[in-house]
């Protein structure tokens, strides 16, 4: 029994959303989910999964299978809507907050670049979250890709998820023609929020600080502290799984 294991209520929610079919299995699907969440939380290699779980080959098989079927996206969207309704909000968010996080590489075989501004060699996570900090969309690139260059592709990812977003808040890194391009292509209003406070020191900007809190939540998962994934797709799936785990804790 690990702290990352699903509680019965959480497992029932997953079964209902994914419409899990009851049939005889050697290893219960709940064990598979427990193993996947263990990997995300502890950051261990697939091959290093404790023997308490199902064989790592089987766990990885289901991980790749559910990833290719879009099960993680389906689960993330439904859980986010459930938690928002529970908090007394509308199921679909109308406000998004966009930002990026540079992450150091943990595997020299993976694609990487250098973020000259933050002096980080690795990848960059571009995300959009709602006003609660819950993940709406994620895209991973090499670290040298500027935020304004990735914003258009991130907005397209957001559109493909059929989100009811109308306004997206962003920092000064997204200034320029990109706001007009996004509005014409997707109908999103990209508002660049600039701090008017001239006092020295850190001053959180209204709404904009929420996405920074989300990045700090990610750091609670060792698999996300550095980029250990060989592909961008896998790096994105790990972010989604961490977000799913956080939402399950709020059910």
Protein backbone atom coordinates (compact mmCIF):
# COMPACT_ATOMS: atom_id res chain seq x y z
CA UNK A 1 0.00 0.00 0.00
CA UNK A 2 1.53 3.29 -1.14
CA UNK A 3 0.40 6.87 -0.57
CA UNK A 4 -0.03 7.20 -4.34
CA UNK A 5 -2.60 4.40 -4.51
CA UNK A 6 -6.14 5.28 -5.53
CA UNK A 7 -8.87 5.36 -2.94
CA UNK A 8 -12.05 3.45 -3.69
CA UNK A 9 -14.03 6.63 -4.45
CA UNK A 10 -11.34 7.84 -6.84
CA UNK A 11 -11.21 4.50 -8.63
CA UNK A 12 -14.98 4.46 -9.07
CA UNK A 13 -14.81 7.92 -10.67
CA UNK A 14 -12.17 6.73 -13.15
CA UNK A 15 -14.18 3.60 -13.97
CA UNK A 16 -17.29 5.66 -14.66
CA UNK A 17 -15.55 8.26 -16.85
CA UNK A 18 -13.57 5.72 -18.92
CA UNK A 19 -16.42 3.19 -18.96
CA UNK A 20 -14.14 0.36 -17.81
CA UNK A 21 -15.56 -3.02 -18.79
CA UNK A 22 -15.75 -5.62 -16.05
CA UNK A 23 -14.05 -8.86 -17.06
CA UNK A 24 -11.65 -11.38 -15.63
CA UNK A 25 -8.07 -10.10 -15.61
CA UNK A 26 -4.87 -11.41 -14.10
CA UNK A 27 -4.02 -7.89 -12.94
CA UNK A 28 -6.76 -5.46 -12.02
CA UNK A 29 -6.73 -2.14 -13.91
CA UNK A 30 -6.72 -0.34 -10.59
CA UNK A 31 -3.26 -1.82 -9.96
CA UNK A 32 -2.11 -0.52 -13.33
CA UNK A 33 -3.28 3.02 -12.48
CA UNK A 34 -1.60 2.79 -9.07
CA UNK A 35 1.68 1.84 -10.75
CA UNK A 36 1.46 4.71 -13.26
CA UNK A 37 0.78 7.26 -10.51
CA UNK A 38 3.69 5.79 -8.53
CA UNK A 39 6.04 6.43 -11.47
CA UNK A 40 4.82 10.02 -11.87
CA UNK A 41 5.12 10.80 -8.16
CA UNK A 42 8.45 9.11 -7.39
CA UNK A 43 10.14 9.60 -10.77
CA UNK A 44 11.43 6.02 -10.90
CA UNK A 45 12.17 4.23 -14.16
CA UNK A 46 9.53 1.90 -15.56
CA UNK A 47 11.87 -1.04 -15.09
CA UNK A 48 12.39 -0.10 -11.44
CA UNK A 49 8.74 -0.46 -10.43
CA UNK A 50 8.45 -2.34 -7.12
CA UNK A 51 7.40 -5.98 -7.38
CA UNK A 52 4.21 -5.09 -5.45
CA UNK A 53 2.80 -3.79 -8.72
CA UNK A 54 2.02 -5.59 -11.96
CA UNK A 55 5.02 -6.33 -14.25
CA UNK A 56 6.48 -3.10 -15.60
CA UNK A 57 6.04 -4.29 -19.21
CA UNK A 58 2.29 -4.57 -18.69
CA UNK A 59 2.07 -1.21 -16.92
CA UNK A 60 3.99 0.50 -19.74
CA UNK A 61 1.82 -1.23 -22.34
CA UNK A 62 -1.33 0.21 -20.80
CA UNK A 63 0.31 3.62 -20.42
CA UNK A 64 1.12 3.76 -24.14
CA UNK A 65 -2.26 2.32 -25.08
CA UNK A 66 -4.29 4.82 -23.04
CA UNK A 67 -2.05 7.64 -24.24
CA UNK A 68 -2.63 6.82 -27.93
CA UNK A 69 -6.38 6.48 -27.36
CA UNK A 70 -6.62 9.90 -25.70
CA UNK A 71 -7.86 8.42 -22.42
CA UNK A 72 -5.77 10.82 -20.36
CA UNK A 73 -7.29 13.83 -22.14
CA UNK A 74 -10.79 12.47 -21.58
CA UNK A 75 -10.15 11.81 -17.92
CA UNK A 76 -8.49 15.20 -17.36
CA UNK A 77 -11.35 17.14 -18.96
CA UNK A 78 -14.07 15.28 -17.07
CA UNK A 79 -12.32 15.52 -13.71
CA UNK A 80 -11.68 19.23 -14.17
CA UNK A 81 -15.36 19.82 -14.94
CA UNK A 82 -16.47 17.77 -11.92
CA UNK A 83 -14.17 19.66 -9.56
CA UNK A 84 -15.24 23.04 -10.98
CA UNK A 85 -18.92 22.19 -10.49
CA UNK A 86 -18.15 21.00 -6.96
CA UNK A 87 -16.55 24.40 -6.30
CA UNK A 88 -19.72 26.16 -7.47
CA UNK A 89 -18.34 27.20 -10.87
CA UNK A 90 -19.43 26.48 -14.43
CA UNK A 91 -18.17 23.19 -15.81
CA UNK A 92 -16.28 24.83 -18.69
CA UNK A 93 -13.80 27.62 -18.12
CA UNK A 94 -14.10 30.89 -20.05
CA UNK A 95 -10.79 32.37 -18.82
CA UNK A 96 -7.38 30.85 -19.47
CA UNK A 97 -3.91 31.80 -18.27
CA UNK A 98 -0.93 31.04 -20.50
CA UNK A 99 2.72 30.70 -19.57
CA UNK A 100 5.78 28.47 -19.98
CA UNK A 101 8.17 26.63 -17.68
CA UNK A 102 11.74 25.75 -18.63
CA UNK A 103 12.81 22.34 -17.30
CA UNK A 104 16.34 20.94 -17.19
CA UNK A 105 17.04 17.75 -19.07
CA UNK A 106 17.49 14.49 -17.15
CA UNK A 107 18.31 12.27 -20.12
CA UNK A 108 20.94 13.24 -22.70
CA UNK A 109 19.17 11.14 -25.35
CA UNK A 110 16.11 13.41 -25.38
CA UNK A 111 15.70 16.47 -27.59
CA UNK A 112 16.78 19.66 -25.84
CA UNK A 113 17.68 23.29 -26.32
CA UNK A 114 18.97 26.19 -24.24
CA UNK A 115 16.73 28.87 -22.77
CA UNK A 116 19.14 31.81 -22.93
CA UNK A 117 17.00 33.94 -20.64
CA UNK A 118 16.78 31.48 -17.75
CA UNK A 119 20.05 29.67 -18.54
CA UNK A 120 18.31 26.29 -18.63
CA UNK A 121 19.24 23.44 -20.96
CA UNK A 122 16.33 21.13 -21.62
CA UNK A 123 12.71 21.55 -22.66
CA UNK A 124 9.96 24.09 -22.16
CA UNK A 125 6.39 23.31 -21.05
CA UNK A 126 3.81 25.67 -22.51
CA UNK A 127 0.52 25.45 -20.62
CA UNK A 128 -2.90 27.04 -20.34
CA UNK A 129 -4.73 26.75 -17.01
CA UNK A 130 -8.10 27.99 -15.75
CA UNK A 131 -8.59 30.46 -12.90
CA UNK A 132 -8.11 27.65 -10.37
CA UNK A 133 -4.79 26.55 -11.84
CA UNK A 134 -6.23 23.36 -13.35
CA UNK A 135 -4.59 22.29 -16.61
CA UNK A 136 -6.47 23.00 -19.86
CA UNK A 137 -3.78 22.35 -22.47
CA UNK A 138 -0.07 21.55 -22.57
CA UNK A 139 2.59 21.50 -25.27
CA UNK A 140 6.29 20.66 -24.87
CA UNK A 141 9.08 22.07 -27.06
CA UNK A 142 12.83 22.45 -26.78
CA UNK A 143 13.80 25.23 -24.39
CA UNK A 144 15.07 27.65 -27.06
CA UNK A 145 11.58 28.13 -28.57
CA UNK A 146 10.29 31.57 -27.59
CA UNK A 147 6.90 31.80 -25.87
CA UNK A 148 5.41 33.93 -28.63
CA UNK A 149 6.41 31.34 -31.26
CA UNK A 150 4.75 28.48 -29.38
CA UNK A 151 1.60 30.43 -28.43
CA UNK A 152 -0.13 29.84 -31.78
CA UNK A 153 0.37 26.05 -31.63
CA UNK A 154 -0.71 26.00 -27.99
CA UNK A 155 -3.89 27.89 -28.89
CA UNK A 156 -4.55 25.31 -31.60
CA UNK A 157 -4.17 22.51 -29.03
CA UNK A 158 -6.66 24.35 -26.84
CA UNK A 159 -9.14 24.63 -29.73
CA UNK A 160 -8.85 20.90 -30.49
CA UNK A 161 -9.90 20.14 -26.92
CA UNK A 162 -13.14 22.10 -27.55
CA UNK A 163 -12.59 24.41 -24.60
CA UNK A 164 -15.05 27.28 -24.14
CA UNK A 165 -12.25 29.78 -23.56
CA UNK A 166 -12.88 33.41 -24.54
CA UNK A 167 -9.99 35.32 -22.93
CA UNK A 168 -6.40 34.23 -22.31
CA UNK A 169 -4.12 36.17 -19.94
CA UNK A 170 -0.38 36.17 -20.61
CA UNK A 171 2.79 37.99 -19.62
CA UNK A 172 4.91 40.37 -21.69
CA UNK A 173 6.64 37.48 -23.45
CA UNK A 174 3.55 37.18 -25.65
CA UNK A 175 3.53 40.76 -26.93
CA UNK A 176 3.47 41.51 -30.63
CA UNK A 177 1.55 40.23 -33.64
CA UNK A 178 0.78 36.87 -32.03
CA UNK A 179 -2.28 38.26 -30.21
CA UNK A 180 -3.91 39.30 -33.49
CA UNK A 181 -3.04 35.99 -35.16
CA UNK A 182 -4.62 33.98 -32.34
CA UNK A 183 -7.75 36.13 -32.36
CA UNK A 184 -8.21 35.78 -36.12
CA UNK A 185 -7.53 32.03 -36.17
CA UNK A 186 -9.24 30.83 -33.00
CA UNK A 187 -11.31 33.71 -31.65
CA UNK A 188 -9.37 33.93 -28.38
CA UNK A 189 -8.64 37.38 -26.95
CA UNK A 190 -5.03 37.35 -25.76
CA UNK A 191 -4.54 39.98 -23.03
CA UNK A 192 -0.99 40.81 -22.01
CA UNK A 193 -0.96 41.70 -18.31
CA UNK A 194 1.83 44.07 -17.23
CA UNK A 195 2.56 45.03 -13.65
CA UNK A 196 2.24 48.77 -13.04
CA UNK A 197 3.92 48.53 -9.64
CA UNK A 198 7.35 50.17 -9.67
CA UNK A 199 8.31 48.98 -6.18
CA UNK A 200 11.33 46.70 -6.13
CA UNK A 201 10.89 43.07 -5.14
CA UNK A 202 8.40 40.37 -6.02
CA UNK A 203 4.81 41.52 -6.53
CA UNK A 204 2.25 38.90 -7.63
CA UNK A 205 0.03 40.08 -10.49
CA UNK A 206 -3.70 39.41 -10.16
CA UNK A 207 -4.72 36.13 -11.92
CA UNK A 208 -1.28 35.81 -13.54
CA UNK A 209 0.26 34.27 -10.40
CA UNK A 210 -2.12 31.30 -10.64
CA UNK A 211 -0.16 29.62 -13.42
CA UNK A 212 3.04 30.00 -11.39
CA UNK A 213 1.35 28.12 -8.56
CA UNK A 214 0.50 25.34 -11.01
CA UNK A 215 4.19 25.05 -11.92
CA UNK A 216 5.00 24.69 -8.22
CA UNK A 217 2.41 21.90 -8.01
CA UNK A 218 4.22 20.12 -10.83
CA UNK A 219 7.45 20.24 -8.84
CA UNK A 220 5.81 17.99 -6.23
CA UNK A 221 6.06 15.18 -8.79
CA UNK A 222 9.63 13.98 -9.28
CA UNK A 223 8.98 12.80 -12.80
CA UNK A 224 8.35 16.45 -13.71
CA UNK A 225 11.24 18.07 -11.81
CA UNK A 226 13.47 17.23 -14.76
CA UNK A 227 12.65 16.00 -18.23
CA UNK A 228 13.34 12.26 -18.36
CA UNK A 229 11.13 11.59 -21.41
CA UNK A 230 12.62 10.81 -24.82
CA UNK A 231 9.68 12.26 -26.75
CA UNK A 232 7.62 15.42 -26.38
CA UNK A 233 4.40 13.39 -26.46
CA UNK A 234 5.45 11.39 -23.42
CA UNK A 235 6.52 14.57 -21.60
CA UNK A 236 3.04 16.02 -22.21
CA UNK A 237 1.34 12.86 -20.98
CA UNK A 238 3.29 12.99 -17.71
CA UNK A 239 2.05 16.54 -17.11
CA UNK A 240 -1.52 15.41 -17.76
CA UNK A 241 -1.15 12.46 -15.36
CA UNK A 242 0.16 14.74 -12.60
CA UNK A 243 -2.81 17.05 -13.18
CA UNK A 244 -5.20 14.08 -13.07
CA UNK A 245 -3.73 12.98 -9.76
CA UNK A 246 -4.16 16.49 -8.32
CA UNK A 247 -7.81 16.64 -9.45
CA UNK A 248 -8.53 13.20 -8.02
CA UNK A 249 -7.37 14.48 -4.64
CA UNK A 250 -10.09 17.13 -4.82
CA UNK A 251 -12.93 14.73 -5.62
